[in-house]
Amino acid sequence: LNDSLLFGPGMAEPHYDAFPTLDRIARIISGYDNDIRIEGYTDNLPVKGARFPSNWELSAARAASVVRFMVNEGVAPDRLSAVGFGESRPVARNDTEVGRRKNRRVAILVSATDPSATSSFR
């Protein structure tokens, strides 16, 4: 899910406009037992402001806010985890705005393996 769908620049709380999309996802995944990992990512531009000292903290906070939303929508908390990767795993180049926009994202990974497996996301 792109940054522009979920978050304002440098923000970790989802836009109200993203709630219907997140709600649909929560309804779908709440019916299964699979583990779910929410991953947050950023571009390589330095974070401005005092709330998040680095892109790592911003990406982790974004992932955590999506986890919190999912829990509030009925997804079992013991199935969820939040991970922040900051700028370390870009999917596009960071030298253009289009590339940076693609790198500012949250990924929702649903494990295909037994929920009791400890390494289900490898």
C-alpha atoms as a PDB file:
ATOM      1  CA  LEU A   1       0.000   0.000   0.000  1.00  0.00           C
ATOM      2  CA  ASN A   2       1.497   3.283  -1.070  1.00  0.00           C
ATOM      3  CA  ASP A   3       2.350   6.072   1.343  1.00  0.00           C
ATOM      4  CA  SER A   4       0.027   8.434  -0.528  1.00  0.00           C
ATOM      5  CA  LEU A   5      -2.944   6.127   0.157  1.00  0.00           C
ATOM      6  CA  LEU A   6      -2.245   5.748   3.859  1.00  0.00           C
ATOM      7  CA  PHE A   7      -0.106   8.536   5.295  1.00  0.00           C
ATOM      8  CA  GLY A   8       0.805  12.172   4.943  1.00  0.00           C
ATOM      9  CA  PRO A   9       4.508  13.009   4.538  1.00  0.00           C
ATOM     10  CA  GLY A  10       6.402  12.185   7.727  1.00  0.00           C
ATOM     11  CA  MET A  11       3.216  10.927   9.406  1.00  0.00           C
ATOM     12  CA  ALA A  12       2.526   7.513  10.914  1.00  0.00           C
ATOM     13  CA  GLU A  13      -1.242   7.729  11.478  1.00  0.00           C
ATOM     14  CA  PRO A  14      -3.375   6.643   8.497  1.00  0.00           C
ATOM     15  CA  HIS A  15      -5.550   9.157   6.636  1.00  0.00           C
ATOM     16  CA  TYR A  16      -9.285   8.762   7.164  1.00  0.00           C
ATOM     17  CA  ASP A  17      -9.482   8.128   3.413  1.00  0.00           C
ATOM     18  CA  ALA A  18      -7.490   4.916   3.939  1.00  0.00           C
ATOM     19  CA  PHE A  19      -9.908   3.487   6.513  1.00  0.00           C
ATOM     20  CA  PRO A  20     -12.254   1.822   3.981  1.00  0.00           C
ATOM     21  CA  THR A  21      -9.326   0.034   2.301  1.00  0.00           C
ATOM     22  CA  LEU A  22      -7.797  -1.049   5.606  1.00  0.00           C
ATOM     23  CA  ASP A  23     -11.223  -2.132   6.835  1.00  0.00           C
ATOM     24  CA  ARG A  24     -11.750  -4.343   3.757  1.00  0.00           C
ATOM     25  CA  ILE A  25      -8.333  -5.931   4.276  1.00  0.00           C
ATOM     26  CA  ALA A  26      -9.066  -6.520   7.976  1.00  0.00           C
ATOM     27  CA  ARG A  27     -12.395  -8.198   7.154  1.00  0.00           C
ATOM     28  CA  ILE A  28     -10.701 -10.521   4.673  1.00  0.00           C
ATOM     29  CA  ILE A  29      -7.771 -11.547   6.878  1.00  0.00           C
ATOM     30  CA  SER A  30      -9.788 -11.850  10.082  1.00  0.00           C
ATOM     31  CA  GLY A  31     -11.412 -14.992   8.709  1.00  0.00           C
ATOM     32  CA  TYR A  32      -8.122 -16.916   8.597  1.00  0.00           C
ATOM     33  CA  ASP A  33      -5.596 -18.185  11.143  1.00  0.00           C
ATOM     34  CA  ASN A  34      -2.419 -17.304   9.217  1.00  0.00           C
ATOM     35  CA  ASP A  35       0.188 -15.041  10.780  1.00  0.00           C
ATOM     36  CA  ILE A  36       0.380 -11.543   9.330  1.00  0.00           C
ATOM     37  CA  ARG A  37       3.398  -9.284   9.195  1.00  0.00           C
ATOM     38  CA  ILE A  38       3.006  -5.571   8.481  1.00  0.00           C
ATOM     39  CA  GLU A  39       6.181  -4.063   7.019  1.00  0.00           C
ATOM     40  CA  GLY A  40       6.870  -0.337   6.861  1.00  0.00           C
ATOM     41  CA  TYR A  41       9.271   1.307   4.392  1.00  0.00           C
ATOM     42  CA  THR A  42      10.411   4.834   3.551  1.00  0.00           C
ATOM     43  CA  ASP A  43      12.393   6.601   0.865  1.00  0.00           C
ATOM     44  CA  ASN A  44      15.950   7.778   1.538  1.00  0.00           C
ATOM     45  CA  LEU A  45      15.160  11.427   2.293  1.00  0.00           C
ATOM     46  CA  PRO A  46      15.955  12.426   5.887  1.00  0.00           C
ATOM     47  CA  VAL A  47      12.962  12.711   8.194  1.00  0.00           C
ATOM     48  CA  LYS A  48      12.103  16.277   9.184  1.00  0.00           C
ATOM     49  CA  GLY A  49      10.747  17.045  12.618  1.00  0.00           C
ATOM     50  CA  ALA A  50      11.388  15.786  16.109  1.00  0.00           C
ATOM     51  CA  ARG A  51       8.765  13.039  16.310  1.00  0.00           C
ATOM     52  CA  PHE A  52      10.771  10.482  14.317  1.00  0.00           C
ATOM     53  CA  PRO A  53      14.562  10.724  14.567  1.00  0.00           C
ATOM     54  CA  SER A  54      15.080   8.505  11.503  1.00  0.00           C
ATOM     55  CA  ASN A  55      13.348   6.741   8.653  1.00  0.00           C
ATOM     56  CA  TRP A  56      13.683   3.514  10.605  1.00  0.00           C
ATOM     57  CA  GLU A  57      11.485   4.832  13.435  1.00  0.00           C
ATOM     58  CA  LEU A  58       9.000   6.301  10.950  1.00  0.00           C
ATOM     59  CA  SER A  59       8.681   3.021   9.040  1.00  0.00           C
ATOM     60  CA  ALA A  60       8.224   1.030  12.260  1.00  0.00           C
ATOM     61  CA  ALA A  61       5.593   3.491  13.520  1.00  0.00           C
ATOM     62  CA  ARG A  62       3.667   3.216  10.252  1.00  0.00           C
ATOM     63  CA  ALA A  63       3.679  -0.573  10.449  1.00  0.00           C
ATOM     64  CA  ALA A  64       2.577  -0.430  14.092  1.00  0.00           C
ATOM     65  CA  SER A  65      -0.294   1.943  13.304  1.00  0.00           C
ATOM     66  CA  VAL A  66      -1.612  -0.488  10.671  1.00  0.00           C
ATOM     67  CA  VAL A  67      -1.301  -3.342  13.200  1.00  0.00           C
ATOM     68  CA  ARG A  68      -3.272  -1.283  15.722  1.00  0.00           C
ATOM     69  CA  PHE A  69      -5.949  -0.597  13.095  1.00  0.00           C
ATOM     70  CA  MET A  70      -6.204  -4.317  12.285  1.00  0.00           C
ATOM     71  CA  VAL A  71      -6.559  -5.229  15.976  1.00  0.00           C
ATOM     72  CA  ASN A  72      -9.270  -2.578  16.399  1.00  0.00           C
ATOM     73  CA  GLU A  73     -11.083  -4.142  13.439  1.00  0.00           C
ATOM     74  CA  GLY A  74     -11.086  -7.606  14.999  1.00  0.00           C
ATOM     75  CA  VAL A  75      -7.926  -9.271  13.711  1.00  0.00           C
ATOM     76  CA  ALA A  76      -6.441 -11.404  16.506  1.00  0.00           C
ATOM     77  CA  PRO A  77      -3.399  -9.568  17.923  1.00  0.00           C
ATOM     78  CA  ASP A  78      -1.398 -12.774  18.365  1.00  0.00           C
ATOM     79  CA  ARG A  79      -1.388 -13.174  14.572  1.00  0.00           C
ATOM     80  CA  LEU A  80       0.136  -9.767  13.889  1.00  0.00           C
ATOM     81  CA  SER A  81       3.636  -8.323  13.920  1.00  0.00           C
ATOM     82  CA  ALA A  82       5.072  -4.973  12.838  1.00  0.00           C
ATOM     83  CA  VAL A  83       8.476  -4.508  11.216  1.00  0.00           C
ATOM     84  CA  GLY A  84      10.203  -1.313  10.096  1.00  0.00           C
ATOM     85  CA  PHE A  85      12.775  -1.445   7.306  1.00  0.00           C
ATOM     86  CA  GLY A  86      13.250   2.287   6.790  1.00  0.00           C
ATOM     87  CA  GLU A  87      14.939   3.012   3.501  1.00  0.00           C
ATOM     88  CA  SER A  88      16.896  -0.248   3.376  1.00  0.00           C
ATOM     89  CA  ARG A  89      14.755  -2.183   0.878  1.00  0.00           C
ATOM     90  CA  PRO A  90      13.727   0.128  -1.954  1.00  0.00           C
ATOM     91  CA  VAL A  91      11.571  -1.181  -4.789  1.00  0.00           C
ATOM     92  CA  ALA A  92      12.444   1.790  -6.999  1.00  0.00           C
ATOM     93  CA  ARG A  93      15.203   4.374  -7.391  1.00  0.00           C
ATOM     94  CA  ASN A  94      15.222   7.214  -4.876  1.00  0.00           C
ATOM     95  CA  ASP A  95      16.510   9.858  -7.291  1.00  0.00           C
ATOM     96  CA  THR A  96      13.033  10.831  -8.566  1.00  0.00           C
ATOM     97  CA  GLU A  97       9.777  11.695  -6.807  1.00  0.00           C
ATOM     98  CA  VAL A  98       8.031   8.819  -8.586  1.00  0.00           C
ATOM     99  CA  GLY A  99      10.610   6.360  -7.260  1.00  0.00           C
ATOM    100  CA  ARG A 100      10.535   7.805  -3.751  1.00  0.00           C
ATOM    101  CA  ARG A 101       6.724   7.579  -3.726  1.00  0.00           C
ATOM    102  CA  LYS A 102       6.959   3.853  -4.581  1.00  0.00           C
ATOM    103  CA  ASN A 103       9.445   3.306  -1.761  1.00  0.00           C
ATOM    104  CA  ARG A 104       7.181   4.919   0.854  1.00  0.00           C
ATOM    105  CA  ARG A 105       4.888   2.010   1.490  1.00  0.00           C
ATOM    106  CA  VAL A 106       3.441  -0.539   3.870  1.00  0.00           C
ATOM    107  CA  ALA A 107       3.307  -4.203   2.907  1.00  0.00           C
ATOM    108  CA  ILE A 108       0.887  -6.690   4.422  1.00  0.00           C
ATOM    109  CA  LEU A 109       2.282 -10.216   4.257  1.00  0.00           C
ATOM    110  CA  VAL A 110       0.062 -13.170   5.047  1.00  0.00           C
ATOM    111  CA  SER A 111       1.919 -16.369   5.869  1.00  0.00           C
ATOM    112  CA  ALA A 112       1.034 -19.345   3.715  1.00  0.00           C
ATOM    113  CA  THR A 113       2.382 -21.836   6.251  1.00  0.00           C
ATOM    114  CA  ASP A 114       1.152 -23.316   9.499  1.00  0.00           C
ATOM    115  CA  PRO A 115       0.521 -20.466  11.976  1.00  0.00           C
ATOM    116  CA  SER A 116       2.499 -22.326  14.648  1.00  0.00           C
ATOM    117  CA  ALA A 117       5.701 -22.241  12.535  1.00  0.00           C
ATOM    118  CA  THR A 118       8.216 -19.741  13.903  1.00  0.00           C
ATOM    119  CA  SER A 119       9.803 -18.876  10.559  1.00  0.00           C
ATOM    120  CA  SER A 120       6.698 -18.585   8.401  1.00  0.00           C
ATOM    121  CA  PHE A 121       7.880 -15.456   6.538  1.00  0.00           C
ATOM    122  CA  ARG A 122      11.204 -16.729   5.189  1.00  0.00           C
END
